[in-house]
Amino acid sequence: MDEEVIPILRVADAAAAVDWYGRLGFAQEWVHRFEPGMPAFVSVARGRVRLFLSEHRGDARPDTLVYLRLDAVETIADEFGATVEEAPWGAREIELRDPDGNRLRIGTPTG
């Protein structure tokens, strides 16, 4: 088994969040609801990078910051109209906010 850390981000509308994260190259893996009409808990992945998106109020707080090390930050920046900046620790980075206020710092190593 590969060990991993999976951040949980609070979202108000899981379906809308899945669409937004799709613009970053994430695809929905699965959705869980304890029963119909209950809040959704969704897994999205981009390669080996995975996030959980939760409509459950107690799971996470908005304004969370997650750092994602992804390939081709320039392509993502173009998709969102963001400006890529050179970070002093050897990465090209952008920062985005999803529709629920979660902050995503996305970087591609330069070396």
Protein backbone atom coordinates (compact mmCIF):
# COMPACT_ATOMS: atom_id res chain seq x y z
CA MET A 1 0.00 0.00 0.00
CA ASP A 2 1.24 3.48 -0.85
CA GLU A 3 0.91 5.83 2.12
CA GLU A 4 -0.41 9.30 1.40
CA VAL A 5 -1.87 12.43 2.93
CA ILE A 6 -5.26 13.53 1.58
CA PRO A 7 -6.41 17.05 2.49
CA ILE A 8 -10.14 17.49 3.10
CA LEU A 9 -11.63 20.74 1.81
CA ARG A 10 -15.06 22.07 2.80
CA VAL A 11 -17.34 22.80 -0.16
CA ALA A 12 -20.95 23.99 -0.28
CA ASP A 13 -21.84 22.23 -3.54
CA ALA A 14 -19.78 19.12 -4.30
CA ALA A 15 -20.90 18.88 -7.94
CA ALA A 16 -19.88 22.49 -8.62
CA ALA A 17 -16.58 21.91 -6.81
CA VAL A 18 -15.87 18.80 -8.90
CA ASP A 19 -16.40 20.89 -12.06
CA TRP A 20 -14.06 23.63 -10.78
CA TYR A 21 -11.35 21.15 -9.79
CA GLY A 22 -11.77 19.56 -13.21
CA ARG A 23 -10.28 22.75 -14.64
CA LEU A 24 -7.13 21.88 -12.64
CA GLY A 25 -7.05 18.42 -14.20
CA PHE A 26 -8.73 16.55 -11.33
CA ALA A 27 -11.32 13.88 -12.04
CA GLN A 28 -13.97 12.55 -9.68
CA GLU A 29 -13.16 9.09 -8.33
CA TRP A 30 -16.23 8.46 -6.17
CA VAL A 31 -19.04 10.09 -4.16
CA HIS A 32 -20.33 8.91 -0.79
CA ARG A 33 -23.58 9.89 0.96
CA PHE A 34 -24.81 8.16 4.11
CA GLU A 35 -28.26 8.19 2.49
CA PRO A 36 -30.03 10.13 -0.29
CA GLY A 37 -30.27 13.83 0.45
CA MET A 38 -27.35 13.79 2.91
CA PRO A 39 -24.18 15.85 2.31
CA ALA A 40 -21.72 14.49 -0.23
CA PHE A 41 -18.14 13.41 0.41
CA VAL A 42 -16.18 13.23 -2.86
CA SER A 43 -12.72 12.09 -3.91
CA VAL A 44 -11.02 13.84 -6.82
CA ALA A 45 -7.61 12.92 -8.20
CA ARG A 46 -5.03 14.10 -10.67
CA GLY A 47 -2.53 11.30 -11.12
CA ARG A 48 -1.29 10.45 -7.62
CA VAL A 49 -2.55 13.75 -6.14
CA ARG A 50 -5.88 13.34 -4.35
CA LEU A 51 -8.26 15.69 -2.52
CA PHE A 52 -11.42 14.98 -0.57
CA LEU A 53 -14.23 17.52 -0.99
CA SER A 54 -16.82 17.50 1.78
CA GLU A 55 -20.22 19.12 2.14
CA HIS A 56 -20.21 18.08 5.83
CA ARG A 57 -20.00 21.23 7.98
CA GLY A 58 -17.60 19.88 10.60
CA ASP A 59 -14.99 18.39 8.28
CA ALA A 60 -12.96 21.48 7.40
CA ARG A 61 -13.00 25.25 7.43
CA PRO A 62 -13.00 27.63 4.47
CA ASP A 63 -9.80 29.63 3.84
CA THR A 64 -7.66 26.51 4.24
CA LEU A 65 -4.34 26.63 2.36
CA VAL A 66 -3.16 23.53 0.48
CA TYR A 67 0.09 23.39 -1.49
CA LEU A 68 -0.10 21.30 -4.67
CA ARG A 69 3.10 20.43 -6.51
CA LEU A 70 1.88 19.84 -10.06
CA ASP A 71 3.40 19.77 -13.54
CA ALA A 72 2.95 22.70 -15.91
CA VAL A 73 1.86 25.49 -13.58
CA GLU A 74 1.86 27.77 -16.65
CA THR A 75 -0.99 25.80 -18.24
CA ILE A 76 -3.03 26.07 -15.06
CA ALA A 77 -2.25 29.78 -14.78
CA ASP A 78 -3.50 30.31 -18.34
CA GLU A 79 -6.74 28.43 -17.56
CA PHE A 80 -7.46 30.72 -14.59
CA GLY A 81 -5.89 33.98 -15.80
CA ALA A 82 -3.32 33.89 -12.97
CA THR A 83 0.23 35.24 -12.99
CA VAL A 84 3.06 32.81 -12.36
CA GLU A 85 5.65 34.02 -9.87
CA GLU A 86 9.17 32.80 -9.16
CA ALA A 87 9.43 31.64 -5.53
CA PRO A 88 12.84 31.90 -3.82
CA TRP A 89 12.69 28.19 -2.88
CA GLY A 90 12.98 27.02 -6.49
CA ALA A 91 9.44 26.87 -7.80
CA ARG A 92 7.17 28.71 -10.20
CA GLU A 93 3.87 29.27 -8.39
CA ILE A 94 0.35 30.66 -8.51
CA GLU A 95 -2.30 30.98 -5.83
CA LEU A 96 -5.98 30.38 -6.52
CA ARG A 97 -9.17 30.36 -4.44
CA ASP A 98 -11.83 27.82 -5.21
CA PRO A 99 -15.50 28.90 -5.20
CA ASP A 100 -15.72 28.03 -1.47
CA GLY A 101 -12.75 30.18 -0.42
CA ASN A 102 -10.17 27.40 -0.08
CA ARG A 103 -6.71 28.62 -1.05
CA LEU A 104 -4.57 26.54 -3.38
CA ARG A 105 -0.91 27.37 -3.88
CA ILE A 106 0.22 25.48 -6.97
CA GLY A 107 3.87 25.12 -7.83
CA THR A 108 6.15 23.47 -10.32
CA PRO A 109 9.80 22.99 -9.22
CA THR A 110 12.31 24.87 -11.36
CA GLY A 111 15.36 22.68 -10.75
